[in-house]
Amino acid sequence: QVQLVESGGGSVQAGGSLRLSCAASGGTFSMYNMAWFRQAPGKEREFVAAISWRGTNTYYGDSVKGRFTISRDNAKNTVSLQMNSLQPEDTAVYSCAGRAGPSSDSDWRYASWGQGTQVTVSS
């Protein structure tokens, strides 16, 4: 399985932007469908975005559509999440995940997970 490490989290004011990155190693990254999930304190993990192994198909959760953009660079073994117009409700730990099967918005389908990175949005 591929190993994943996220970076780029931090604190930002409402309306601001952050870019998260996830670096993969130890596997054939280009064969993995990748996704971002987030989990806020006291809440269930939520699907944020997913991208197919070739990057041709992207999927977004309703709460982030039009504000977040997922992308990948198979040459660099990275997947990124550009987050714009951030709001306090976007505050959560963001984790990247990978699976060899088709893209999915169900976290239980993903076998590879990073440790997560904290994003805090203040009003």
C-alpha atoms as a PDB file:
ATOM      1  CA  GLN A   1       0.000   0.000   0.000  1.00  0.00           C
ATOM      2  CA  VAL A   2       1.072   3.530  -0.609  1.00  0.00           C
ATOM      3  CA  GLN A   3       2.148   5.665   2.348  1.00  0.00           C
ATOM      4  CA  LEU A   4       0.680   9.175   2.550  1.00  0.00           C
ATOM      5  CA  VAL A   5       1.855  12.335   4.299  1.00  0.00           C
ATOM      6  CA  GLU A   6      -0.163  15.556   4.316  1.00  0.00           C
ATOM      7  CA  SER A   7       1.127  19.087   4.655  1.00  0.00           C
ATOM      8  CA  GLY A   8      -0.103  22.642   4.271  1.00  0.00           C
ATOM      9  CA  GLY A   9      -2.605  22.935   7.082  1.00  0.00           C
ATOM     10  CA  GLY A  10      -2.776  25.965   9.303  1.00  0.00           C
ATOM     11  CA  SER A  11      -4.918  28.814  10.533  1.00  0.00           C
ATOM     12  CA  VAL A  12      -6.641  31.328   8.294  1.00  0.00           C
ATOM     13  CA  GLN A  13      -9.381  33.909   8.571  1.00  0.00           C
ATOM     14  CA  ALA A  14     -12.745  33.421   6.937  1.00  0.00           C
ATOM     15  CA  GLY A  15     -12.604  34.150   3.237  1.00  0.00           C
ATOM     16  CA  GLY A  16      -8.981  33.098   3.010  1.00  0.00           C
ATOM     17  CA  SER A  17      -7.298  30.251   1.152  1.00  0.00           C
ATOM     18  CA  LEU A  18      -5.070  27.299   1.929  1.00  0.00           C
ATOM     19  CA  ARG A  19      -3.485  24.627  -0.208  1.00  0.00           C
ATOM     20  CA  LEU A  20      -3.040  21.144   1.176  1.00  0.00           C
ATOM     21  CA  SER A  21      -0.625  18.630  -0.291  1.00  0.00           C
ATOM     22  CA  CYS A  22      -0.329  14.895   0.131  1.00  0.00           C
ATOM     23  CA  ALA A  23       2.890  13.123  -0.780  1.00  0.00           C
ATOM     24  CA  ALA A  24       2.807   9.434  -1.591  1.00  0.00           C
ATOM     25  CA  SER A  25       5.552   6.848  -1.382  1.00  0.00           C
ATOM     26  CA  GLY A  26       6.017   3.121  -1.415  1.00  0.00           C
ATOM     27  CA  GLY A  27       3.493   2.255  -4.069  1.00  0.00           C
ATOM     28  CA  THR A  28       2.413   2.877  -7.632  1.00  0.00           C
ATOM     29  CA  PHE A  29       0.750   6.215  -6.986  1.00  0.00           C
ATOM     30  CA  SER A  30      -0.446   6.629 -10.545  1.00  0.00           C
ATOM     31  CA  MET A  31      -2.656   3.567 -10.136  1.00  0.00           C
ATOM     32  CA  TYR A  32      -4.446   4.926  -7.045  1.00  0.00           C
ATOM     33  CA  ASN A  33      -7.638   6.888  -6.954  1.00  0.00           C
ATOM     34  CA  MET A  34      -7.166   9.581  -4.335  1.00  0.00           C
ATOM     35  CA  ALA A  35      -9.462  11.528  -2.053  1.00  0.00           C
ATOM     36  CA  TRP A  36      -9.590  14.053   0.733  1.00  0.00           C
ATOM     37  CA  PHE A  37     -11.765  13.628   3.789  1.00  0.00           C
ATOM     38  CA  ARG A  38     -12.165  15.817   6.837  1.00  0.00           C
ATOM     39  CA  GLN A  39     -13.299  15.356  10.388  1.00  0.00           C
ATOM     40  CA  ALA A  40     -14.357  18.086  12.768  1.00  0.00           C
ATOM     41  CA  PRO A  41     -14.469  17.536  16.532  1.00  0.00           C
ATOM     42  CA  GLY A  42     -17.521  15.545  17.522  1.00  0.00           C
ATOM     43  CA  LYS A  43     -18.531  14.904  13.933  1.00  0.00           C
ATOM     44  CA  GLU A  44     -18.251  11.988  11.544  1.00  0.00           C
ATOM     45  CA  ARG A  45     -15.627  11.977   8.846  1.00  0.00           C
ATOM     46  CA  GLU A  46     -16.876  13.808   5.759  1.00  0.00           C
ATOM     47  CA  PHE A  47     -16.015  13.316   2.100  1.00  0.00           C
ATOM     48  CA  VAL A  48     -14.412  16.404   0.588  1.00  0.00           C
ATOM     49  CA  ALA A  49     -13.120  15.531  -2.876  1.00  0.00           C
ATOM     50  CA  ALA A  50     -11.805  12.690  -4.995  1.00  0.00           C
ATOM     51  CA  ILE A  51      -9.785  12.387  -8.178  1.00  0.00           C
ATOM     52  CA  SER A  52      -9.326   9.466 -10.516  1.00  0.00           C
ATOM     53  CA  TRP A  53      -5.934   7.889 -11.103  1.00  0.00           C
ATOM     54  CA  ARG A  54      -5.385   9.772 -14.334  1.00  0.00           C
ATOM     55  CA  GLY A  55      -6.837  12.986 -12.976  1.00  0.00           C
ATOM     56  CA  THR A  56      -9.542  13.081 -15.612  1.00  0.00           C
ATOM     57  CA  ASN A  57     -12.460  12.772 -13.198  1.00  0.00           C
ATOM     58  CA  THR A  58     -13.031  14.789 -10.036  1.00  0.00           C
ATOM     59  CA  TYR A  59     -15.790  14.633  -7.455  1.00  0.00           C
ATOM     60  CA  TYR A  60     -16.720  17.006  -4.648  1.00  0.00           C
ATOM     61  CA  GLY A  61     -18.821  17.020  -1.551  1.00  0.00           C
ATOM     62  CA  ASP A  62     -21.765  19.401  -1.713  1.00  0.00           C
ATOM     63  CA  SER A  63     -20.379  21.635   1.013  1.00  0.00           C
ATOM     64  CA  VAL A  64     -17.174  22.432  -0.899  1.00  0.00           C
ATOM     65  CA  LYS A  65     -18.314  22.525  -4.521  1.00  0.00           C
ATOM     66  CA  GLY A  66     -17.181  25.684  -6.246  1.00  0.00           C
ATOM     67  CA  ARG A  67     -14.695  26.527  -3.482  1.00  0.00           C
ATOM     68  CA  PHE A  68     -12.256  23.591  -3.369  1.00  0.00           C
ATOM     69  CA  THR A  69     -10.257  22.056  -6.203  1.00  0.00           C
ATOM     70  CA  ILE A  70      -8.506  18.697  -6.121  1.00  0.00           C
ATOM     71  CA  SER A  71      -5.597  17.975  -8.427  1.00  0.00           C
ATOM     72  CA  ARG A  72      -2.745  15.508  -8.744  1.00  0.00           C
ATOM     73  CA  ASP A  73       0.718  15.274 -10.234  1.00  0.00           C
ATOM     74  CA  ASN A  74       1.602  11.659 -10.935  1.00  0.00           C
ATOM     75  CA  ALA A  75       5.145  12.614 -11.865  1.00  0.00           C
ATOM     76  CA  LYS A  76       5.649  14.004  -8.349  1.00  0.00           C
ATOM     77  CA  ASN A  77       3.433  11.486  -6.546  1.00  0.00           C
ATOM     78  CA  THR A  78       1.332  14.227  -5.014  1.00  0.00           C
ATOM     79  CA  VAL A  79      -2.311  15.149  -4.690  1.00  0.00           C
ATOM     80  CA  SER A  80      -3.374  18.638  -3.678  1.00  0.00           C
ATOM     81  CA  LEU A  81      -6.453  20.391  -2.398  1.00  0.00           C
ATOM     82  CA  GLN A  82      -6.807  24.092  -3.117  1.00  0.00           C
ATOM     83  CA  MET A  83      -9.290  25.582  -0.673  1.00  0.00           C
ATOM     84  CA  ASN A  84     -10.722  29.030  -1.342  1.00  0.00           C
ATOM     85  CA  SER A  85     -13.376  31.107   0.402  1.00  0.00           C
ATOM     86  CA  LEU A  86     -12.793  29.191   3.605  1.00  0.00           C
ATOM     87  CA  GLN A  87     -15.421  29.407   6.306  1.00  0.00           C
ATOM     88  CA  PRO A  88     -15.344  28.500  10.012  1.00  0.00           C
ATOM     89  CA  GLU A  89     -17.350  25.375   9.253  1.00  0.00           C
ATOM     90  CA  ASP A  90     -14.412  24.143   7.162  1.00  0.00           C
ATOM     91  CA  THR A  91     -12.387  23.766  10.355  1.00  0.00           C
ATOM     92  CA  ALA A  92     -11.344  20.123  10.647  1.00  0.00           C
ATOM     93  CA  VAL A  93      -8.519  17.654  10.350  1.00  0.00           C
ATOM     94  CA  TYR A  94      -8.035  16.958   6.662  1.00  0.00           C
ATOM     95  CA  SER A  95      -6.734  13.570   5.557  1.00  0.00           C
ATOM     96  CA  CYS A  96      -5.827  12.212   2.185  1.00  0.00           C
ATOM     97  CA  ALA A  97      -6.682   8.654   1.283  1.00  0.00           C
ATOM     98  CA  GLY A  98      -5.967   6.296  -1.570  1.00  0.00           C
ATOM     99  CA  ARG A  99      -7.446   3.165  -3.025  1.00  0.00           C
ATOM    100  CA  ALA A 100      -6.708   0.959  -5.974  1.00  0.00           C
ATOM    101  CA  GLY A 101     -10.399   0.607  -6.826  1.00  0.00           C
ATOM    102  CA  PRO A 102     -12.753   3.173  -8.355  1.00  0.00           C
ATOM    103  CA  SER A 103     -13.156   6.614  -6.828  1.00  0.00           C
ATOM    104  CA  SER A 104     -15.578   6.685  -3.951  1.00  0.00           C
ATOM    105  CA  ASP A 105     -17.012   9.073  -1.371  1.00  0.00           C
ATOM    106  CA  SER A 106     -17.090   6.309   1.248  1.00  0.00           C
ATOM    107  CA  ASP A 107     -14.160   6.441   3.623  1.00  0.00           C
ATOM    108  CA  TRP A 108     -14.339   2.725   4.446  1.00  0.00           C
ATOM    109  CA  ARG A 109     -13.374   1.912   0.864  1.00  0.00           C
ATOM    110  CA  TYR A 110      -9.948   3.524   1.246  1.00  0.00           C
ATOM    111  CA  ALA A 111      -7.095   1.406   2.566  1.00  0.00           C
ATOM    112  CA  SER A 112      -4.308   3.999   2.656  1.00  0.00           C
ATOM    113  CA  TRP A 113      -4.524   7.064   4.885  1.00  0.00           C
ATOM    114  CA  GLY A 114      -2.293   9.912   5.911  1.00  0.00           C
ATOM    115  CA  GLN A 115      -2.027  11.162   9.474  1.00  0.00           C
ATOM    116  CA  GLY A 116      -4.056  14.293   8.774  1.00  0.00           C
ATOM    117  CA  THR A 117      -3.390  18.009   8.913  1.00  0.00           C
ATOM    118  CA  GLN A 118      -5.320  20.580  10.921  1.00  0.00           C
ATOM    119  CA  VAL A 119      -7.145  23.416   9.189  1.00  0.00           C
ATOM    120  CA  THR A 120      -8.598  26.133  11.409  1.00  0.00           C
ATOM    121  CA  VAL A 121     -10.723  28.950  10.014  1.00  0.00           C
ATOM    122  CA  SER A 122     -11.565  31.853  12.287  1.00  0.00           C
ATOM    123  CA  SER A 123     -14.415  34.286  11.797  1.00  0.00           C
END
